[in-house]
Protein backbone atom coordinates (compact mmCIF):
# COMPACT_ATOMS: atom_id res chain seq x y z
CA MET A 1 8.97 16.34 -37.76
CA ALA A 2 9.20 14.97 -34.22
CA GLU A 3 11.68 16.58 -31.80
CA TYR A 4 12.39 13.17 -30.26
CA LYS A 5 12.71 9.69 -31.71
CA GLN A 6 10.88 6.85 -29.98
CA PRO A 7 13.15 5.38 -27.27
CA ALA A 8 14.02 1.74 -27.94
CA ASN A 9 15.65 1.03 -24.58
CA GLU A 10 16.09 2.37 -21.05
CA GLN A 11 19.15 4.46 -21.96
CA GLU A 12 17.30 6.23 -24.77
CA PHE A 13 14.29 6.74 -22.49
CA LYS A 14 16.48 8.44 -19.86
CA GLU A 15 17.99 10.63 -22.56
CA ASN A 16 14.54 11.76 -23.77
CA PHE A 17 13.29 12.25 -20.20
CA LYS A 18 16.36 13.95 -18.74
CA GLN A 19 15.73 15.39 -15.28
CA LYS A 20 14.49 18.96 -15.42
CA LYS A 21 16.29 19.82 -12.17
CA PRO A 22 19.47 17.70 -12.03
CA LEU A 23 21.21 17.15 -8.71
CA MET A 24 23.79 19.82 -7.86
CA ASN A 25 27.35 18.92 -6.98
CA ASP A 26 29.13 20.39 -3.95
CA THR A 27 30.70 23.27 -5.90
CA GLN A 28 27.42 24.28 -7.52
CA ALA A 29 25.60 24.15 -4.18
CA HIS A 30 28.25 26.21 -2.42
CA TYR A 31 28.24 28.85 -5.15
CA GLU A 32 24.44 29.03 -5.35
CA SER A 33 23.95 29.18 -1.57
CA SER A 34 26.46 32.04 -1.37
CA ARG A 35 24.11 34.16 -3.49
CA CYS A 36 21.43 34.20 -0.77
CA LEU A 37 20.84 37.63 0.81
CA PHE A 38 19.18 36.12 3.93
CA CYS A 39 16.38 38.68 3.77
CA TYR A 40 15.03 39.64 7.19
CA ASP A 41 11.42 39.14 6.05
CA ALA A 42 12.22 36.04 3.93
CA PRO A 43 9.58 36.34 1.19
CA CYS A 44 10.65 32.90 -0.06
CA MET A 45 9.69 31.37 3.28
CA ASN A 46 6.33 33.16 3.28
CA ALA A 47 5.63 31.65 -0.15
CA CYS A 48 6.39 28.08 0.97
CA PRO A 49 3.19 26.13 1.82
CA ALA A 50 5.22 23.95 4.21
CA ASP A 51 6.80 26.91 6.07
CA ILE A 52 10.38 25.64 5.58
CA ASP A 53 13.00 27.99 7.07
CA ILE A 54 14.64 28.54 3.70
CA PRO A 55 17.30 31.12 4.73
CA LEU A 56 18.42 28.83 7.56
CA PHE A 57 18.88 25.71 5.43
CA ILE A 58 20.68 27.70 2.73
CA LYS A 59 23.04 29.16 5.35
CA GLN A 60 23.66 25.62 6.62
CA ILE A 61 24.51 24.44 3.10
CA ASN A 62 26.86 27.39 2.64
CA THR A 63 28.73 26.55 5.85
CA GLY A 64 29.07 22.88 4.88
CA ASN A 65 26.38 21.57 7.22
CA LYS A 66 24.39 19.44 4.76
CA GLU A 67 22.90 17.25 7.48
CA GLY A 68 21.68 20.28 9.41
CA ALA A 69 20.16 21.69 6.23
CA ALA A 70 18.35 18.42 5.54
CA LYS A 71 16.97 18.33 9.08
CA THR A 72 15.73 21.92 8.81
CA ILE A 73 13.86 20.91 5.65
CA TYR A 74 12.43 17.65 7.00
CA ASP A 75 11.39 19.31 10.28
CA SER A 76 8.84 21.24 8.20
CA ASN A 77 8.21 18.97 5.21
CA TRP A 78 8.43 15.17 5.31
CA MET A 79 8.42 15.10 1.49
CA GLY A 80 11.44 17.43 1.44
CA ASN A 81 13.41 15.80 -1.36
CA ALA A 82 10.46 15.20 -3.69
CA CYS A 83 9.18 18.74 -3.18
CA GLY A 84 12.60 20.23 -3.88
CA THR A 85 12.45 18.51 -7.26
CA ILE A 86 8.81 18.68 -8.35
CA CYS A 87 7.42 21.77 -6.60
CA PRO A 88 6.52 24.65 -8.94
CA THR A 89 9.26 26.68 -7.26
CA GLY A 90 9.06 29.34 -9.96
CA VAL A 91 5.64 30.40 -8.66
CA LEU A 92 6.33 29.64 -4.98
CA CYS A 93 9.64 30.22 -3.15
CA GLU A 94 11.77 31.15 -6.17
CA GLY A 95 8.95 33.26 -7.55
CA ALA A 96 9.05 35.31 -4.33
CA CYS A 97 12.86 35.73 -4.32
CA VAL A 98 13.85 39.42 -4.16
CA TYR A 99 16.27 38.93 -7.04
CA ASN A 100 13.24 38.87 -9.34
CA ASN A 101 12.78 42.58 -8.58
CA GLN A 102 16.31 43.32 -9.81
CA ASP A 103 16.24 41.40 -13.09
CA VAL A 104 18.62 38.85 -11.56
CA ALA A 105 17.96 35.10 -11.72
CA PRO A 106 16.28 33.97 -8.48
CA LEU A 107 18.11 31.66 -6.11
CA LEU A 108 17.69 27.99 -7.12
CA ILE A 109 16.00 27.10 -3.83
CA GLY A 110 14.40 23.86 -5.04
CA ARG A 111 17.67 22.41 -6.30
CA LEU A 112 19.44 23.42 -3.07
CA GLN A 113 16.68 21.67 -1.11
CA ASN A 114 17.10 18.58 -3.28
CA TYR A 115 20.89 18.71 -2.77
CA ALA A 116 20.65 18.80 1.03
CA THR A 117 18.02 16.08 1.39
CA MET A 118 19.61 13.78 -1.17
CA SER A 119 22.88 13.91 0.75
CA VAL A 120 21.31 12.30 3.84
CA ILE A 121 19.20 9.87 1.81
CA GLU A 122 22.34 8.58 0.07
CA SER A 123 24.34 8.40 3.30
CA GLY A 124 21.48 6.90 5.32
CA LYS A 125 22.17 9.42 8.10
CA GLN A 126 19.74 8.92 11.00
CA LEU A 127 18.01 12.24 11.62
CA TYR A 128 14.88 10.96 13.36
CA SER A 129 13.73 8.21 15.68
CA PRO A 130 10.22 7.16 16.73
CA GLY A 131 8.86 8.78 19.87
CA GLU A 132 8.29 6.73 23.01
CA ASP A 133 5.40 4.31 22.41
CA ASN A 134 2.19 5.84 23.79
CA GLY A 135 0.04 2.73 23.25
CA GLU A 136 -2.23 4.35 20.63
CA LYS A 137 -2.70 3.13 17.04
CA VAL A 138 -3.67 5.21 14.00
CA ALA A 139 -4.77 3.92 10.59
CA ILE A 140 -3.99 5.84 7.41
CA ILE A 141 -5.83 5.22 4.14
CA GLY A 142 -3.47 6.00 1.27
CA ALA A 143 0.34 6.20 1.12
CA GLY A 144 0.45 9.44 -0.86
CA PRO A 145 2.24 12.61 0.25
CA ALA A 146 -0.43 13.41 2.87
CA GLY A 147 -0.53 9.87 4.26
CA ILE A 148 3.26 9.48 4.42
CA SER A 149 3.66 12.87 6.11
CA CYS A 150 0.95 12.05 8.62
CA ALA A 151 2.65 8.72 9.39
CA CYS A 152 6.08 10.28 9.89
CA GLU A 153 4.77 12.96 12.24
CA LEU A 154 2.68 10.48 14.22
CA ARG A 155 5.66 8.17 14.71
CA THR A 156 7.72 11.01 16.20
CA LEU A 157 4.84 11.45 18.67
CA GLY A 158 4.90 7.78 19.69
CA TYR A 159 1.94 6.40 17.75
CA SER A 160 1.84 2.99 16.08
CA VAL A 161 0.87 3.56 12.42
CA ASP A 162 -0.53 1.26 9.73
CA ILE A 163 -0.96 2.66 6.21
CA TYR A 164 -3.38 0.87 3.87
CA GLU A 165 -2.30 1.43 0.27
CA ALA A 166 -4.22 0.21 -2.79
CA LYS A 167 -1.17 0.12 -5.07
CA SER A 168 2.15 -1.74 -4.79
CA GLN A 169 4.34 1.33 -4.14
CA PRO A 170 4.16 4.34 -1.83
CA SER A 171 4.04 8.10 -2.47
CA GLY A 172 0.85 8.28 -4.56
CA LEU A 173 0.98 10.95 -7.24
CA THR A 174 4.74 11.39 -6.83
CA VAL A 175 5.57 7.98 -8.28
CA HIS A 176 2.38 7.34 -10.29
CA GLY A 177 1.15 10.65 -11.66
CA ILE A 178 4.02 13.05 -12.40
CA ALA A 179 6.01 13.14 -15.64
CA PRO A 180 9.31 11.19 -15.46
CA TYR A 181 11.44 14.21 -16.45
CA LYS A 182 10.48 15.87 -13.16
CA ILE A 183 11.61 13.08 -10.83
CA SER A 184 12.75 9.50 -11.30
CA ASN A 185 11.13 6.45 -9.73
CA GLU A 186 14.45 5.65 -8.03
CA GLU A 187 14.63 9.04 -6.34
CA VAL A 188 11.05 8.86 -5.06
CA ILE A 189 11.45 5.35 -3.64
CA ALA A 190 14.81 6.23 -2.08
CA GLU A 191 13.17 8.96 -0.01
CA MET A 192 10.25 6.70 0.91
CA ASN A 193 12.63 3.96 2.10
CA TYR A 194 14.75 6.47 4.00
CA LEU A 195 11.78 7.76 5.98
CA GLN A 196 10.28 4.34 6.65
CA ASN A 197 13.62 2.92 7.81
CA GLN A 198 14.02 5.73 10.33
CA LEU A 199 10.50 5.99 11.66
CA GLY A 200 9.16 2.44 11.31
CA TYR A 201 5.58 2.91 10.17
CA ASN A 202 3.91 -0.08 8.55
CA ILE A 203 2.54 -0.06 4.97
CA ILE A 204 0.11 -2.76 3.83
CA TYR A 205 0.31 -2.71 0.02
CA ASN A 206 -2.30 -3.85 -2.52
CA HIS A 207 -4.95 -3.35 0.15
CA THR A 208 -7.88 -1.22 -0.98
CA ILE A 209 -10.30 0.06 1.65
CA SER A 210 -13.60 -0.06 -0.22
CA THR A 211 -16.30 -1.55 2.00
CA LYS A 212 -18.28 -0.50 5.03
CA GLU A 213 -17.07 -3.64 6.83
CA GLN A 214 -13.44 -2.63 6.36
CA LEU A 215 -14.14 0.85 7.69
CA THR A 216 -15.95 -0.55 10.72
CA GLU A 217 -12.96 -2.79 11.42
CA LEU A 218 -10.59 0.19 11.24
CA GLU A 219 -12.82 2.17 13.58
CA SER A 220 -12.73 -0.71 16.09
CA ASN A 221 -8.98 -1.29 15.94
CA TYR A 222 -7.57 2.24 15.79
CA SER A 223 -7.79 5.38 17.91
CA ALA A 224 -8.08 7.60 14.82
CA ILE A 225 -8.15 7.28 11.03
CA PHE A 226 -6.54 9.59 8.48
CA ILE A 227 -8.02 9.77 4.96
CA GLY A 228 -5.40 10.49 2.32
CA VAL A 229 -6.93 8.77 -0.69
CA GLY A 230 -6.31 11.46 -3.28
CA LEU A 231 -8.27 11.47 -6.53
CA GLY A 232 -9.45 8.62 -8.73
CA ALA A 233 -9.38 7.79 -12.42
CA THR A 234 -9.66 10.33 -15.24
CA ALA A 235 -13.18 11.74 -15.36
CA SER A 236 -15.40 10.83 -18.31
CA LEU A 237 -16.17 13.38 -21.02
CA ASN A 238 -19.51 11.68 -21.76
CA MET A 239 -18.66 12.09 -25.42
CA THR A 240 -19.31 9.95 -28.50
CA GLY A 241 -16.26 7.86 -29.36
CA GLU A 242 -14.79 7.94 -25.88
CA ASN A 243 -14.61 4.13 -25.79
CA LEU A 244 -12.71 3.73 -29.07
CA ASN A 245 -9.34 2.01 -29.07
CA GLY A 246 -6.63 4.64 -28.66
CA VAL A 247 -8.48 6.82 -26.12
CA HIS A 248 -6.63 7.06 -22.80
CA GLY A 249 -6.94 8.96 -19.56
CA ALA A 250 -3.99 11.26 -18.86
CA VAL A 251 -3.47 9.99 -15.31
CA GLU A 252 -3.46 6.39 -16.51
CA PHE A 253 -1.13 7.25 -19.41
CA ILE A 254 1.39 8.94 -17.10
CA GLU A 255 1.23 6.06 -14.62
CA GLU A 256 2.00 3.59 -17.41
CA LEU A 257 4.85 5.83 -18.56
CA ARG A 258 6.31 5.89 -15.04
CA LYS A 259 6.09 2.10 -14.74
CA ASN A 260 6.99 0.85 -18.22
CA HIS A 261 9.26 3.56 -19.67
CA SER A 262 10.43 2.69 -23.20
CA ASP A 263 7.97 -0.22 -23.42
CA VAL A 264 5.12 2.30 -23.76
CA LYS A 265 4.24 2.68 -27.43
CA ILE A 266 3.00 6.01 -28.70
CA ALA A 267 0.91 6.78 -31.78
CA GLN A 268 2.11 8.97 -34.65
CA LYS A 269 -0.49 11.70 -34.14
CA VAL A 270 -1.72 12.45 -30.61
CA VAL A 271 -4.38 14.90 -29.41
CA VAL A 272 -4.33 15.82 -25.72
CA ILE A 273 -7.57 17.41 -24.49
CA GLY A 274 -7.22 19.72 -21.50
CA GLY A 275 -5.43 22.79 -20.15
CA GLY A 276 -4.11 21.81 -16.73
CA ASN A 277 -0.68 20.69 -15.56
CA THR A 278 -1.57 17.02 -16.11
CA ALA A 279 -2.38 17.84 -19.75
CA MET A 280 1.07 19.42 -20.09
CA ASP A 281 2.72 16.31 -18.61
CA ALA A 282 0.77 14.04 -20.96
CA ALA A 283 1.59 16.18 -23.99
CA SER A 284 5.30 16.49 -23.12
CA GLY A 285 5.44 12.78 -22.39
CA SER A 286 3.87 11.92 -25.75
CA ALA A 287 6.36 14.11 -27.59
CA ARG A 288 9.33 12.65 -25.70
CA LEU A 289 8.09 9.16 -26.56
CA GLY A 290 8.54 10.04 -30.22
CA ALA A 291 5.08 10.98 -31.51
CA ASP A 292 5.28 12.77 -34.88
CA GLU A 293 2.61 15.31 -33.93
CA VAL A 294 1.22 16.23 -30.53
CA THR A 295 -1.66 18.72 -30.39
CA LEU A 296 -2.73 20.17 -27.06
CA ALA A 297 -6.37 21.24 -27.45
CA TYR A 298 -8.09 23.53 -24.95
CA ARG A 299 -11.61 24.92 -25.18
CA ARG A 300 -10.66 28.38 -23.91
CA GLY A 301 -7.85 30.81 -24.70
CA LYS A 302 -4.22 30.21 -23.73
CA ASP A 303 -4.36 32.70 -20.85
CA SER A 304 -7.27 30.81 -19.28
CA MET A 305 -5.39 27.52 -18.90
CA GLY A 306 -5.09 26.11 -15.41
CA ALA A 307 -1.51 25.01 -16.11
CA TYR A 308 1.47 27.07 -15.07
CA GLY A 309 2.96 29.06 -17.95
CA PHE A 310 6.35 27.37 -17.59
CA GLU A 311 4.68 23.95 -17.94
CA TYR A 312 3.16 24.99 -21.27
CA ASP A 313 6.50 26.42 -22.42
CA LEU A 314 8.17 23.12 -21.53
CA ALA A 315 5.61 21.21 -23.60
CA VAL A 316 6.13 23.54 -26.58
CA SER A 317 9.90 23.11 -26.32
CA ALA A 318 9.33 19.34 -26.65
CA GLY A 319 7.47 19.91 -29.93
CA VAL A 320 3.84 20.18 -28.73
CA LYS A 321 1.47 22.46 -30.68
CA GLY A 322 -1.23 24.43 -28.90
CA LEU A 323 -4.80 24.58 -30.23
CA PHE A 324 -6.94 27.07 -28.32
CA ASN A 325 -10.61 28.03 -28.32
CA ALA A 326 -11.43 24.57 -29.60
CA SER A 327 -14.10 22.57 -27.78
CA PRO A 328 -14.26 18.82 -28.55
CA LEU A 329 -17.58 17.55 -29.90
CA GLU A 330 -16.81 13.89 -30.56
CA ILE A 331 -14.00 11.41 -31.07
CA ILE A 332 -14.21 9.92 -34.54
CA GLY A 333 -13.29 6.40 -35.59
CA ASN A 334 -14.41 2.93 -36.56
CA GLY A 335 -13.16 0.72 -33.74
CA SER A 336 -10.03 2.85 -33.33
CA VAL A 337 -9.44 6.59 -33.10
CA GLU A 338 -9.20 8.45 -36.40
CA GLY A 339 -9.66 12.03 -35.24
CA VAL A 340 -11.42 14.54 -32.99
CA ARG A 341 -14.16 16.86 -34.19
CA PHE A 342 -14.00 20.31 -32.62
CA VAL A 343 -15.98 23.53 -32.73
CA LYS A 344 -14.41 26.95 -32.36
CA THR A 345 -15.25 29.02 -29.29
CA GLU A 346 -14.95 32.60 -28.15
CA SER A 347 -15.40 34.47 -24.89
CA VAL A 348 -18.34 36.87 -24.89
CA ASN A 349 -18.71 38.96 -21.74
CA GLY A 350 -16.68 36.38 -19.87
CA LYS A 351 -18.87 33.47 -21.02
CA LEU A 352 -17.57 30.74 -23.33
CA THR A 353 -19.64 30.72 -26.52
CA ILE A 354 -19.64 28.31 -29.46
CA ILE A 355 -19.19 29.80 -32.92
CA GLU A 356 -21.93 28.27 -35.07
CA GLY A 357 -20.80 26.51 -38.25
CA SER A 358 -17.11 26.46 -37.22
CA GLU A 359 -16.70 22.70 -36.79
CA PHE A 360 -13.42 21.16 -37.92
CA THR A 361 -11.56 17.88 -37.46
CA VAL A 362 -8.03 17.13 -36.28
CA ASN A 363 -6.85 13.75 -37.56
CA CYS A 364 -5.08 11.57 -35.02
CA ASP A 365 -4.68 7.96 -33.94
CA MET A 366 -4.53 8.56 -30.18
CA VAL A 367 -6.48 10.78 -27.78
CA ILE A 368 -5.42 11.53 -24.21
CA LYS A 369 -8.11 13.01 -21.96
CA ALA A 370 -6.67 15.36 -19.35
CA THR A 371 -10.05 16.50 -18.15
CA GLY A 372 -9.79 16.16 -14.39
CA GLN A 373 -10.11 13.18 -12.06
CA ALA A 374 -13.11 11.60 -10.43
CA LYS A 375 -13.46 11.98 -6.66
CA GLN A 376 -13.46 9.02 -4.27
CA GLY A 377 -17.11 9.63 -3.45
CA SER A 378 -18.09 5.97 -3.07
CA LEU A 379 -15.64 5.45 -0.21
CA LEU A 380 -16.42 8.73 1.50
CA SER A 381 -20.18 8.09 1.37
CA MET A 382 -19.69 4.97 3.53
CA ILE A 383 -18.25 6.96 6.45
CA ASP A 384 -20.92 8.00 8.95
CA ASN A 385 -21.41 11.72 9.61
CA LEU A 386 -18.69 12.75 7.13
CA SER A 387 -19.61 16.08 5.54
CA LEU A 388 -18.57 16.88 1.97
CA ASP A 389 -18.87 20.11 0.02
CA GLU A 390 -20.59 20.49 -3.36
CA LYS A 391 -17.40 19.32 -5.12
CA THR A 392 -17.17 16.09 -3.05
CA ARG A 393 -14.26 17.45 -1.01
CA ILE A 394 -14.11 16.52 2.67
CA ILE A 395 -14.91 19.40 5.00
CA VAL A 396 -12.29 19.74 7.76
CA ASN A 397 -11.39 22.01 10.64
CA ALA A 398 -8.72 24.29 9.17
CA ASP A 399 -6.59 24.15 12.35
CA THR A 400 -6.54 20.37 12.85
CA ASN A 401 -7.84 18.76 9.62
CA GLN A 402 -10.43 16.91 11.71
CA THR A 403 -13.58 15.99 9.80
CA THR A 404 -17.18 16.24 11.01
CA ASN A 405 -16.80 12.62 12.16
CA PRO A 406 -14.34 13.24 15.03
CA LYS A 407 -12.50 9.92 14.62
CA TYR A 408 -11.54 10.80 11.04
CA PHE A 409 -8.99 13.34 9.84
CA ALA A 410 -8.13 14.10 6.21
CA GLY A 411 -5.68 15.88 3.96
CA GLY A 412 -4.30 16.31 0.45
CA ASP A 413 -6.45 16.04 -2.65
CA ALA A 414 -9.33 14.63 -0.60
CA ILE A 415 -9.83 18.08 0.96
CA ASN A 416 -8.45 20.45 -1.69
CA GLY A 417 -9.67 18.72 -4.86
CA GLY A 418 -6.18 18.49 -6.34
CA ALA A 419 -3.18 20.66 -5.46
CA GLU A 420 0.60 20.27 -5.15
CA VAL A 421 2.57 17.55 -3.36
CA VAL A 422 3.76 20.17 -0.87
CA ASN A 423 0.14 20.95 0.08
CA GLY A 424 -0.48 17.27 0.80
CA ALA A 425 2.68 17.08 2.90
CA TYR A 426 1.60 20.08 4.94
CA ASP A 427 -1.92 18.66 5.41
CA GLY A 428 -0.61 15.32 6.67
CA LYS A 429 1.66 16.95 9.24
CA LEU A 430 -1.14 19.27 10.40
CA ALA A 431 -3.56 16.35 10.74
CA ALA A 432 -1.05 14.29 12.74
CA ASN A 433 -0.77 17.07 15.30
CA GLY A 434 -4.57 17.42 15.23
CA ILE A 435 -4.91 13.69 15.96
CA HIS A 436 -2.43 13.97 18.83
CA GLN A 437 -4.31 16.92 20.28
CA TRP A 438 -7.67 15.14 20.01
CA ILE A 439 -6.49 11.84 21.49
CA THR A 440 -4.62 13.42 24.40
CA GLN A 441 -7.63 15.61 25.29
CA ASN A 442 -10.14 12.71 25.23
């Protein structure tokens, strides 16, 4: 029996996809901020990839200075509101909170961050202005977390910035690739509009950079170029039946869910293949859309999944069933999906081994592949003297994010192969300062 019924309208969709971290009110924020011990060594701050001064912004909230708290956050992380909502705080800042050592619930740092930043977004309070125009122009490929952060930082330094974005909305993964119960489209776009209104960078939408001629034109017209393209479509399994009707990529499924809400129709029986956080989002999303049965199938054991434990627990609470040590062999069907044939596996001396004669079939009418995303190798191969590693990630200078082609800088998934939004935000800011350093020294 399904935990959720299929939503028939927007109201029912919002009910099924209620925000995991709802916005605090003033009383909740004051109470929660008063719990902070303001540790001298701030383990929460050390665990933050963006180096936000967490004790400071919490103290500012507690003394009623919401605007000051928001500025403290944005000074370190241009995606401050989104990260407060979607960051895996339980394994980052909140996971490092000293209360965890005392069997006391950790401080709700993410929700406090969201509270402070949302207050200035809603009020439109001007916290930043562009720096004095220095006459230099920078192009950014991709309006994801890394690209937006790079643009914001560059504008404060006086650069003119044009972002070339293939889609019709900004923020990349944040608005296209994260489950709707983590953050709403409205909240993402509100932060994007807030930043753009203050800092005045230009975004050219529906403009894919995909040819050598386009790259040459960028190189001629701009002092530097930042690559923030992220990852591509769901990678192929190269498996029989992959092209049957009812087989979907997880990234594409989540993007459709974010765009079309209750208009997305789900099958009765869904199999999600994969063990990462995207698989959890796809499985939870399928259950919340009203699927009767959702099976999350992973070829290794539960403890080997790439997903965070709390993400799996969230999926299970939505009605998802885990199927472990099951490696898919083929997707079965005649025109449309009818099932997935698996074989049982086991770990022998750390190596995944197939158990002969253990094949079995799970009947279903929809398969979602959460098996990683393809890299943007075709674009990157067109850039002269750009070095990539064996996983098609761009090699950069760790201090400046400058690539082996000095005119190009990079950040986000293009250099880390797929990490958190906060990592992309940090990369973009670091690259902007690297660009400034390089241009001013040349």
